[in-house]
Amino acid sequence: MKKSILFGLVGMLLLPVTANAISVSGQAGEEYTNLGVGFGTESTGLALSGNWAHNDDHGDIVGAALGVNIPLGPFMATAGGKGVYLSPNYGDDGYAAAVGGGLQWQIGERFHLFGEYYYSPDSLSSGVKDYEEANAGGRFMIMRPLSVEAGYRYINLAGKDGNRDSAVADGPYVGVSANF
């Protein structure tokens, strides 16, 4: 088992990496904000990203994800994992080791549709019953490097030991991003 995991990690490192770009983004919903940064998220090979989401009523999360991007025709699929520090307003601070991925579809030169999902069960979480994060939307490039986006984000920390759930994000958002 350990050898197959090692071979898988080495295989991911050997995938071709082209034009790794840095991206920064910010989104605002009715009750939450999210700031993100990424490296290699738009190209084949390894991708590293991070985000901080804040909700005044429900708390914060800080995450770092490592994935591998695989081209599938007009799509770019990402599979990977995410380590998340959880700081709900109702409950104990903790962590989550989530697995998941995403899919991007480039329509023309300027428009992308995207979606992603990460999940961590109780066995891979501390302080919460489970962690769930989903994001879907569209991005339109105004002019290189600036894009505008709109979508829907859901981040939920399921309560544990009598603590209530904390929905850090649950609703539509608008945002801007820059890719360098």
C-alpha atoms as a PDB file:
ATOM      1  CA  MET A   1       0.000   0.000   0.000  1.00  0.00           C
ATOM      2  CA  LYS A   2       2.766   2.438   0.962  1.00  0.00           C
ATOM      3  CA  LYS A   3       4.653   1.666  -2.255  1.00  0.00           C
ATOM      4  CA  SER A   4       1.605   2.404  -4.400  1.00  0.00           C
ATOM      5  CA  ILE A   5       1.121   5.764  -2.651  1.00  0.00           C
ATOM      6  CA  LEU A   6       4.801   6.583  -3.165  1.00  0.00           C
ATOM      7  CA  PHE A   7       4.623   5.625  -6.863  1.00  0.00           C
ATOM      8  CA  GLY A   8       1.487   7.760  -7.243  1.00  0.00           C
ATOM      9  CA  LEU A   9       3.187  10.815  -5.715  1.00  0.00           C
ATOM     10  CA  VAL A  10       6.277  10.349  -7.877  1.00  0.00           C
ATOM     11  CA  GLY A  11       4.033   9.970 -10.939  1.00  0.00           C
ATOM     12  CA  MET A  12       2.292  13.267 -10.156  1.00  0.00           C
ATOM     13  CA  LEU A  13       5.669  14.996  -9.945  1.00  0.00           C
ATOM     14  CA  LEU A  14       6.646  13.663 -13.369  1.00  0.00           C
ATOM     15  CA  LEU A  15       3.568  14.988 -15.167  1.00  0.00           C
ATOM     16  CA  PRO A  16       4.421  17.755 -17.597  1.00  0.00           C
ATOM     17  CA  VAL A  17       4.189  21.194 -16.076  1.00  0.00           C
ATOM     18  CA  THR A  18       3.717  24.110 -18.455  1.00  0.00           C
ATOM     19  CA  ALA A  19       3.295  27.817 -17.910  1.00  0.00           C
ATOM     20  CA  ASN A  20       2.596  27.669 -14.188  1.00  0.00           C
ATOM     21  CA  ALA A  21       0.997  30.945 -13.342  1.00  0.00           C
ATOM     22  CA  ILE A  22       0.203  32.648 -10.076  1.00  0.00           C
ATOM     23  CA  SER A  23      -3.375  33.704  -9.475  1.00  0.00           C
ATOM     24  CA  VAL A  24      -4.949  35.802  -6.735  1.00  0.00           C
ATOM     25  CA  SER A  25      -8.671  36.206  -6.171  1.00  0.00           C
ATOM     26  CA  GLY A  26     -11.218  37.746  -3.879  1.00  0.00           C
ATOM     27  CA  GLN A  27     -14.935  37.031  -3.583  1.00  0.00           C
ATOM     28  CA  ALA A  28     -17.693  38.552  -1.497  1.00  0.00           C
ATOM     29  CA  GLY A  29     -21.068  37.051  -0.719  1.00  0.00           C
ATOM     30  CA  GLU A  30     -23.889  38.479   1.343  1.00  0.00           C
ATOM     31  CA  GLU A  31     -22.463  37.177   4.635  1.00  0.00           C
ATOM     32  CA  TYR A  32     -18.940  35.999   3.827  1.00  0.00           C
ATOM     33  CA  THR A  33     -15.682  36.834   2.086  1.00  0.00           C
ATOM     34  CA  ASN A  34     -13.072  34.553   0.546  1.00  0.00           C
ATOM     35  CA  LEU A  35      -9.501  35.339  -0.497  1.00  0.00           C
ATOM     36  CA  GLY A  36      -7.483  32.867  -2.537  1.00  0.00           C
ATOM     37  CA  VAL A  37      -4.107  32.334  -4.135  1.00  0.00           C
ATOM     38  CA  GLY A  38      -3.007  29.628  -6.544  1.00  0.00           C
ATOM     39  CA  PHE A  39       0.042  28.356  -8.383  1.00  0.00           C
ATOM     40  CA  GLY A  40      -0.384  26.219 -11.501  1.00  0.00           C
ATOM     41  CA  THR A  41      -4.179  26.063 -11.219  1.00  0.00           C
ATOM     42  CA  GLU A  42      -4.755  26.760 -14.932  1.00  0.00           C
ATOM     43  CA  SER A  43      -2.157  24.388 -16.417  1.00  0.00           C
ATOM     44  CA  THR A  44      -1.450  20.657 -16.629  1.00  0.00           C
ATOM     45  CA  GLY A  45       0.485  19.116 -13.735  1.00  0.00           C
ATOM     46  CA  LEU A  46       0.745  19.980 -10.072  1.00  0.00           C
ATOM     47  CA  ALA A  47      -1.353  22.774  -8.609  1.00  0.00           C
ATOM     48  CA  LEU A  48      -1.060  24.428  -5.210  1.00  0.00           C
ATOM     49  CA  SER A  49      -3.718  26.733  -3.835  1.00  0.00           C
ATOM     50  CA  GLY A  50      -4.804  28.324  -0.591  1.00  0.00           C
ATOM     51  CA  ASN A  51      -7.763  30.255   0.718  1.00  0.00           C
ATOM     52  CA  TRP A  52      -9.148  32.079   3.733  1.00  0.00           C
ATOM     53  CA  ALA A  53     -12.909  32.351   4.175  1.00  0.00           C
ATOM     54  CA  HIS A  54     -14.515  34.522   6.864  1.00  0.00           C
ATOM     55  CA  ASN A  55     -18.047  34.890   8.184  1.00  0.00           C
ATOM     56  CA  ASP A  56     -18.732  37.260  11.125  1.00  0.00           C
ATOM     57  CA  ASP A  57     -21.423  34.969  12.538  1.00  0.00           C
ATOM     58  CA  HIS A  58     -19.891  31.536  11.884  1.00  0.00           C
ATOM     59  CA  GLY A  59     -16.096  31.822  11.964  1.00  0.00           C
ATOM     60  CA  ASP A  60     -13.137  31.255   9.677  1.00  0.00           C
ATOM     61  CA  ILE A  61     -11.373  28.555   7.706  1.00  0.00           C
ATOM     62  CA  VAL A  62      -7.865  28.592   6.251  1.00  0.00           C
ATOM     63  CA  GLY A  63      -7.013  25.932   3.680  1.00  0.00           C
ATOM     64  CA  ALA A  64      -4.111  24.742   1.548  1.00  0.00           C
ATOM     65  CA  ALA A  65      -4.711  22.322  -1.335  1.00  0.00           C
ATOM     66  CA  LEU A  66      -2.389  20.214  -3.450  1.00  0.00           C
ATOM     67  CA  GLY A  67      -3.727  18.606  -6.591  1.00  0.00           C
ATOM     68  CA  VAL A  68      -2.877  17.381 -10.025  1.00  0.00           C
ATOM     69  CA  ASN A  69      -4.483  18.907 -13.129  1.00  0.00           C
ATOM     70  CA  ILE A  70      -5.277  16.503 -15.945  1.00  0.00           C
ATOM     71  CA  PRO A  71      -6.500  17.731 -19.367  1.00  0.00           C
ATOM     72  CA  LEU A  72      -9.591  15.922 -20.671  1.00  0.00           C
ATOM     73  CA  GLY A  73     -10.367  17.448 -24.057  1.00  0.00           C
ATOM     74  CA  PRO A  74     -11.897  20.892 -23.444  1.00  0.00           C
ATOM     75  CA  PHE A  75     -11.918  20.213 -19.682  1.00  0.00           C
ATOM     76  CA  MET A  76      -9.247  20.399 -16.997  1.00  0.00           C
ATOM     77  CA  ALA A  77      -9.896  17.969 -14.141  1.00  0.00           C
ATOM     78  CA  THR A  78      -8.217  18.345 -10.759  1.00  0.00           C
ATOM     79  CA  ALA A  79      -7.895  15.632  -8.117  1.00  0.00           C
ATOM     80  CA  GLY A  80      -6.239  16.176  -4.779  1.00  0.00           C
ATOM     81  CA  GLY A  81      -6.469  16.937  -1.125  1.00  0.00           C
ATOM     82  CA  LYS A  82      -6.828  19.917   1.131  1.00  0.00           C
ATOM     83  CA  GLY A  83      -5.674  20.589   4.673  1.00  0.00           C
ATOM     84  CA  VAL A  84      -7.969  23.024   6.474  1.00  0.00           C
ATOM     85  CA  TYR A  85      -7.680  24.843   9.808  1.00  0.00           C
ATOM     86  CA  LEU A  86     -11.162  25.393  11.249  1.00  0.00           C
ATOM     87  CA  SER A  87     -12.127  28.164  13.631  1.00  0.00           C
ATOM     88  CA  PRO A  88     -15.918  28.150  14.113  1.00  0.00           C
ATOM     89  CA  ASN A  89     -17.543  30.712  16.404  1.00  0.00           C
ATOM     90  CA  TYR A  90     -19.597  27.899  17.975  1.00  0.00           C
ATOM     91  CA  GLY A  91     -17.331  24.993  18.881  1.00  0.00           C
ATOM     92  CA  ASP A  92     -13.702  24.088  19.149  1.00  0.00           C
ATOM     93  CA  ASP A  93     -10.955  24.979  16.720  1.00  0.00           C
ATOM     94  CA  GLY A  94      -9.815  21.997  14.713  1.00  0.00           C
ATOM     95  CA  TYR A  95      -8.627  20.719  11.390  1.00  0.00           C
ATOM     96  CA  ALA A  96      -9.839  18.708   8.437  1.00  0.00           C
ATOM     97  CA  ALA A  97      -7.994  16.646   5.842  1.00  0.00           C
ATOM     98  CA  ALA A  98     -10.370  16.795   2.882  1.00  0.00           C
ATOM     99  CA  VAL A  99     -10.233  14.954  -0.435  1.00  0.00           C
ATOM    100  CA  GLY A 100     -11.873  16.119  -3.625  1.00  0.00           C
ATOM    101  CA  GLY A 101     -11.260  17.934  -6.835  1.00  0.00           C
ATOM    102  CA  GLY A 102     -12.713  20.090  -9.526  1.00  0.00           C
ATOM    103  CA  LEU A 103     -13.480  20.565 -13.171  1.00  0.00           C
ATOM    104  CA  GLN A 104     -12.871  23.596 -15.422  1.00  0.00           C
ATOM    105  CA  TRP A 105     -14.320  24.104 -18.879  1.00  0.00           C
ATOM    106  CA  GLN A 106     -12.856  26.817 -21.070  1.00  0.00           C
ATOM    107  CA  ILE A 107     -15.437  28.126 -23.534  1.00  0.00           C
ATOM    108  CA  GLY A 108     -13.632  30.334 -26.014  1.00  0.00           C
ATOM    109  CA  GLU A 109     -10.663  32.463 -25.039  1.00  0.00           C
ATOM    110  CA  ARG A 110     -12.333  34.526 -22.328  1.00  0.00           C
ATOM    111  CA  PHE A 111     -14.959  32.430 -20.518  1.00  0.00           C
ATOM    112  CA  HIS A 112     -14.548  29.541 -18.033  1.00  0.00           C
ATOM    113  CA  LEU A 113     -17.077  27.477 -16.124  1.00  0.00           C
ATOM    114  CA  PHE A 114     -15.762  25.748 -13.019  1.00  0.00           C
ATOM    115  CA  GLY A 115     -16.748  23.669 -10.038  1.00  0.00           C
ATOM    116  CA  GLU A 116     -15.013  21.966  -7.127  1.00  0.00           C
ATOM    117  CA  TYR A 117     -15.903  19.852  -4.104  1.00  0.00           C
ATOM    118  CA  TYR A 118     -13.939  18.770  -1.009  1.00  0.00           C
ATOM    119  CA  TYR A 119     -15.118  16.560   1.852  1.00  0.00           C
ATOM    120  CA  SER A 120     -13.607  15.407   5.135  1.00  0.00           C
ATOM    121  CA  PRO A 121     -15.441  12.799   7.260  1.00  0.00           C
ATOM    122  CA  ASP A 122     -15.323  12.635  11.050  1.00  0.00           C
ATOM    123  CA  SER A 123     -12.334  10.266  10.919  1.00  0.00           C
ATOM    124  CA  LEU A 124     -10.222  12.914   9.115  1.00  0.00           C
ATOM    125  CA  SER A 125     -11.503  15.910  11.092  1.00  0.00           C
ATOM    126  CA  SER A 126     -10.926  17.342  14.537  1.00  0.00           C
ATOM    127  CA  GLY A 127     -13.399  19.551  16.381  1.00  0.00           C
ATOM    128  CA  VAL A 128     -16.191  18.985  13.837  1.00  0.00           C
ATOM    129  CA  LYS A 129     -18.269  16.016  12.701  1.00  0.00           C
ATOM    130  CA  ASP A 130     -17.364  16.659   9.066  1.00  0.00           C
ATOM    131  CA  TYR A 131     -16.193  19.391   6.716  1.00  0.00           C
ATOM    132  CA  GLU A 132     -17.740  20.114   3.331  1.00  0.00           C
ATOM    133  CA  GLU A 133     -16.801  22.714   0.724  1.00  0.00           C
ATOM    134  CA  ALA A 134     -18.267  23.290  -2.740  1.00  0.00           C
ATOM    135  CA  ASN A 135     -17.886  26.083  -5.265  1.00  0.00           C
ATOM    136  CA  ALA A 136     -19.313  26.534  -8.771  1.00  0.00           C
ATOM    137  CA  GLY A 137     -19.437  29.468 -11.138  1.00  0.00           C
ATOM    138  CA  GLY A 138     -18.212  31.260 -14.219  1.00  0.00           C
ATOM    139  CA  ARG A 139     -15.269  33.536 -14.930  1.00  0.00           C
ATOM    140  CA  PHE A 140     -14.951  36.119 -17.709  1.00  0.00           C
ATOM    141  CA  MET A 141     -11.556  37.617 -18.614  1.00  0.00           C
ATOM    142  CA  ILE A 142     -11.954  41.355 -19.149  1.00  0.00           C
ATOM    143  CA  MET A 143      -8.351  41.832 -20.223  1.00  0.00           C
ATOM    144  CA  ARG A 144      -5.266  39.874 -19.310  1.00  0.00           C
ATOM    145  CA  PRO A 145      -4.662  39.514 -16.310  1.00  0.00           C
ATOM    146  CA  LEU A 146      -8.039  40.671 -14.852  1.00  0.00           C
ATOM    147  CA  SER A 147     -11.188  38.538 -14.678  1.00  0.00           C
ATOM    148  CA  VAL A 148     -14.574  38.896 -13.025  1.00  0.00           C
ATOM    149  CA  GLU A 149     -16.496  35.929 -11.695  1.00  0.00           C
ATOM    150  CA  ALA A 150     -19.804  34.982 -10.180  1.00  0.00           C
ATOM    151  CA  GLY A 151     -20.825  31.767  -8.525  1.00  0.00           C
ATOM    152  CA  TYR A 152     -22.113  29.931  -5.496  1.00  0.00           C
ATOM    153  CA  ARG A 153     -19.961  28.844  -2.533  1.00  0.00           C
ATOM    154  CA  TYR A 154     -20.859  26.448   0.278  1.00  0.00           C
ATOM    155  CA  ILE A 155     -18.596  25.782   3.278  1.00  0.00           C
ATOM    156  CA  ASN A 156     -20.091  23.904   6.229  1.00  0.00           C
ATOM    157  CA  LEU A 157     -18.554  22.728   9.495  1.00  0.00           C
ATOM    158  CA  ALA A 158     -20.922  20.112  10.938  1.00  0.00           C
ATOM    159  CA  GLY A 159     -21.192  20.487  14.720  1.00  0.00           C
ATOM    160  CA  LYS A 160     -19.833  17.861  17.090  1.00  0.00           C
ATOM    161  CA  ASP A 161     -20.406  17.158  20.792  1.00  0.00           C
ATOM    162  CA  GLY A 162     -23.566  19.284  20.971  1.00  0.00           C
ATOM    163  CA  ASN A 163     -22.153  22.231  18.986  1.00  0.00           C
ATOM    164  CA  ARG A 164     -24.269  23.537  16.135  1.00  0.00           C
ATOM    165  CA  ASP A 165     -23.272  23.584  12.479  1.00  0.00           C
ATOM    166  CA  SER A 166     -21.325  26.586  11.209  1.00  0.00           C
ATOM    167  CA  ALA A 167     -22.065  27.575   7.616  1.00  0.00           C
ATOM    168  CA  VAL A 168     -19.072  29.802   6.885  1.00  0.00           C
ATOM    169  CA  ALA A 169     -20.360  30.316   3.326  1.00  0.00           C
ATOM    170  CA  ASP A 170     -23.713  29.467   1.811  1.00  0.00           C
ATOM    171  CA  GLY A 171     -24.778  31.664  -1.061  1.00  0.00           C
ATOM    172  CA  PRO A 172     -23.930  33.454  -4.279  1.00  0.00           C
ATOM    173  CA  TYR A 173     -20.879  35.654  -4.649  1.00  0.00           C
ATOM    174  CA  VAL A 174     -19.160  38.029  -7.042  1.00  0.00           C
ATOM    175  CA  GLY A 175     -15.422  38.406  -7.295  1.00  0.00           C
ATOM    176  CA  VAL A 176     -12.339  39.461  -9.183  1.00  0.00           C
ATOM    177  CA  SER A 177      -9.147  37.580  -9.970  1.00  0.00           C
ATOM    178  CA  ALA A 178      -5.805  38.216 -11.580  1.00  0.00           C
ATOM    179  CA  ASN A 179      -3.611  35.618 -13.278  1.00  0.00           C
ATOM    180  CA  PHE A 180       0.066  36.341 -13.800  1.00  0.00           C
END
